[in-house]
Amino acid sequence: MSDTTPLTELANFVAKSPLVSHDEFEHRTAVNAIADNLAFRPARQKVTDLLSIVMALSARTRRMVQPTIEVDLDVFSPNNKRAVKLRFGQSQ
């Protein structure tokens, strides 16, 4: 029968990762490498997200090329006199 149990193996475990190094430079280099790798990872987008972006840009482009409109609104009182005149839009 073996004297080595899983608990004994765990107790004798020695970490070899540079993250647990006592050398500050080696530890800092390992941490910076992980941070740099995570910082420059492009975000994955779903197809639906990309489609919504394309549709929004398309709608904005269509609105930009459409001619501007003007709306004139006249409101009259019961005695046929102008009560309010509102004008919306850009005059050219």
C-alpha atoms as a PDB file:
ATOM      1  CA  MET A   1       0.000   0.000   0.000  1.00  0.00           C
ATOM      2  CA  SER A   2       1.252   3.474  -0.898  1.00  0.00           C
ATOM      3  CA  ASP A   3       2.053   6.049   1.761  1.00  0.00           C
ATOM      4  CA  THR A   4       1.283   8.850  -0.700  1.00  0.00           C
ATOM      5  CA  THR A   5      -2.284  10.040  -0.533  1.00  0.00           C
ATOM      6  CA  PRO A   6      -3.851  12.800  -2.615  1.00  0.00           C
ATOM      7  CA  LEU A   7      -3.734  15.002   0.475  1.00  0.00           C
ATOM      8  CA  THR A   8       0.007  14.383   0.866  1.00  0.00           C
ATOM      9  CA  GLU A   9       0.535  15.195  -2.825  1.00  0.00           C
ATOM     10  CA  LEU A  10      -1.348  18.438  -2.373  1.00  0.00           C
ATOM     11  CA  ALA A  11       0.719  19.324   0.686  1.00  0.00           C
ATOM     12  CA  ASN A  12       3.942  18.735  -1.281  1.00  0.00           C
ATOM     13  CA  PHE A  13       2.760  20.749  -4.289  1.00  0.00           C
ATOM     14  CA  VAL A  14       5.169  23.480  -5.384  1.00  0.00           C
ATOM     15  CA  ALA A  15       3.789  26.158  -7.691  1.00  0.00           C
ATOM     16  CA  LYS A  16       5.940  26.864 -10.746  1.00  0.00           C
ATOM     17  CA  SER A  17       3.977  29.737 -12.232  1.00  0.00           C
ATOM     18  CA  PRO A  18       5.771  33.073 -12.581  1.00  0.00           C
ATOM     19  CA  LEU A  19       2.760  34.634 -10.838  1.00  0.00           C
ATOM     20  CA  VAL A  20       3.849  33.117  -7.517  1.00  0.00           C
ATOM     21  CA  SER A  21       7.505  33.981  -7.972  1.00  0.00           C
ATOM     22  CA  HIS A  22       9.279  35.768  -5.139  1.00  0.00           C
ATOM     23  CA  ASP A  23      11.245  37.750  -7.716  1.00  0.00           C
ATOM     24  CA  GLU A  24       9.290  41.017  -8.049  1.00  0.00           C
ATOM     25  CA  PHE A  25      10.421  41.647 -11.651  1.00  0.00           C
ATOM     26  CA  GLU A  26       9.350  38.176 -12.822  1.00  0.00           C
ATOM     27  CA  HIS A  27       6.014  38.487 -11.016  1.00  0.00           C
ATOM     28  CA  ARG A  28       5.321  41.971 -12.463  1.00  0.00           C
ATOM     29  CA  THR A  29       6.245  40.769 -15.976  1.00  0.00           C
ATOM     30  CA  ALA A  30       3.771  37.877 -15.726  1.00  0.00           C
ATOM     31  CA  VAL A  31       0.976  40.151 -14.454  1.00  0.00           C
ATOM     32  CA  ASN A  32       1.638  42.724 -17.194  1.00  0.00           C
ATOM     33  CA  ALA A  33       1.589  40.020 -19.874  1.00  0.00           C
ATOM     34  CA  ILE A  34      -1.832  38.843 -18.705  1.00  0.00           C
ATOM     35  CA  ALA A  35      -3.165  42.417 -18.542  1.00  0.00           C
ATOM     36  CA  ASP A  36      -1.857  43.239 -22.023  1.00  0.00           C
ATOM     37  CA  ASN A  37      -3.406  40.094 -23.464  1.00  0.00           C
ATOM     38  CA  LEU A  38      -6.797  40.928 -21.950  1.00  0.00           C
ATOM     39  CA  ALA A  39      -6.677  44.606 -22.920  1.00  0.00           C
ATOM     40  CA  PHE A  40      -6.205  44.035 -26.650  1.00  0.00           C
ATOM     41  CA  ARG A  41      -8.671  41.194 -27.059  1.00  0.00           C
ATOM     42  CA  PRO A  42     -11.372  42.351 -29.464  1.00  0.00           C
ATOM     43  CA  ALA A  43     -14.903  42.109 -28.150  1.00  0.00           C
ATOM     44  CA  ARG A  44     -16.941  39.472 -29.920  1.00  0.00           C
ATOM     45  CA  GLN A  45     -20.176  40.798 -31.306  1.00  0.00           C
ATOM     46  CA  LYS A  46     -23.271  38.886 -32.220  1.00  0.00           C
ATOM     47  CA  VAL A  47     -24.638  38.979 -35.734  1.00  0.00           C
ATOM     48  CA  THR A  48     -27.729  40.763 -34.433  1.00  0.00           C
ATOM     49  CA  ASP A  49     -25.545  43.514 -32.922  1.00  0.00           C
ATOM     50  CA  LEU A  50     -23.739  44.014 -36.218  1.00  0.00           C
ATOM     51  CA  LEU A  51     -27.039  44.041 -38.115  1.00  0.00           C
ATOM     52  CA  SER A  52     -28.489  46.705 -35.841  1.00  0.00           C
ATOM     53  CA  ILE A  53     -25.398  48.864 -36.359  1.00  0.00           C
ATOM     54  CA  VAL A  54     -25.674  48.541 -40.145  1.00  0.00           C
ATOM     55  CA  MET A  55     -29.385  49.337 -40.072  1.00  0.00           C
ATOM     56  CA  ALA A  56     -28.875  52.398 -37.863  1.00  0.00           C
ATOM     57  CA  LEU A  57     -26.152  53.758 -40.147  1.00  0.00           C
ATOM     58  CA  SER A  58     -28.304  53.096 -43.199  1.00  0.00           C
ATOM     59  CA  ALA A  59     -31.289  54.923 -41.683  1.00  0.00           C
ATOM     60  CA  ARG A  60     -29.103  57.881 -40.695  1.00  0.00           C
ATOM     61  CA  THR A  61     -27.691  58.099 -44.217  1.00  0.00           C
ATOM     62  CA  ARG A  62     -31.185  58.033 -45.743  1.00  0.00           C
ATOM     63  CA  ARG A  63     -32.328  60.840 -43.434  1.00  0.00           C
ATOM     64  CA  MET A  64     -29.298  62.964 -44.298  1.00  0.00           C
ATOM     65  CA  VAL A  65     -29.955  62.854 -48.043  1.00  0.00           C
ATOM     66  CA  GLN A  66     -33.696  63.499 -47.775  1.00  0.00           C
ATOM     67  CA  PRO A  67     -34.777  67.086 -48.443  1.00  0.00           C
ATOM     68  CA  THR A  68     -35.826  69.061 -45.393  1.00  0.00           C
ATOM     69  CA  ILE A  69     -39.493  69.805 -44.967  1.00  0.00           C
ATOM     70  CA  GLU A  70     -41.427  72.719 -43.550  1.00  0.00           C
ATOM     71  CA  VAL A  71     -44.702  72.534 -41.718  1.00  0.00           C
ATOM     72  CA  ASP A  72     -46.945  75.573 -41.402  1.00  0.00           C
ATOM     73  CA  LEU A  73     -49.759  75.294 -38.900  1.00  0.00           C
ATOM     74  CA  ASP A  74     -52.412  77.975 -38.620  1.00  0.00           C
ATOM     75  CA  VAL A  75     -54.961  77.858 -35.824  1.00  0.00           C
ATOM     76  CA  PHE A  76     -58.048  80.029 -36.112  1.00  0.00           C
ATOM     77  CA  SER A  77     -60.455  81.153 -33.437  1.00  0.00           C
ATOM     78  CA  PRO A  78     -64.226  80.702 -33.840  1.00  0.00           C
ATOM     79  CA  ASN A  79     -64.548  84.263 -35.224  1.00  0.00           C
ATOM     80  CA  ASN A  80     -62.167  83.387 -38.111  1.00  0.00           C
ATOM     81  CA  LYS A  81     -59.196  85.330 -36.759  1.00  0.00           C
ATOM     82  CA  ARG A  82     -55.776  83.744 -36.583  1.00  0.00           C
ATOM     83  CA  ALA A  83     -55.098  82.525 -33.054  1.00  0.00           C
ATOM     84  CA  VAL A  84     -51.675  80.904 -33.504  1.00  0.00           C
ATOM     85  CA  LYS A  85     -49.229  80.455 -36.345  1.00  0.00           C
ATOM     86  CA  LEU A  86     -46.454  77.900 -35.919  1.00  0.00           C
ATOM     87  CA  ARG A  87     -43.711  77.206 -38.400  1.00  0.00           C
ATOM     88  CA  PHE A  88     -41.391  74.184 -38.174  1.00  0.00           C
ATOM     89  CA  GLY A  89     -38.447  73.367 -40.379  1.00  0.00           C
ATOM     90  CA  GLN A  90     -35.695  75.307 -42.063  1.00  0.00           C
ATOM     91  CA  SER A  91     -36.385  77.990 -44.593  1.00  0.00           C
ATOM     92  CA  GLN A  92     -33.966  78.156 -47.500  1.00  0.00           C
END
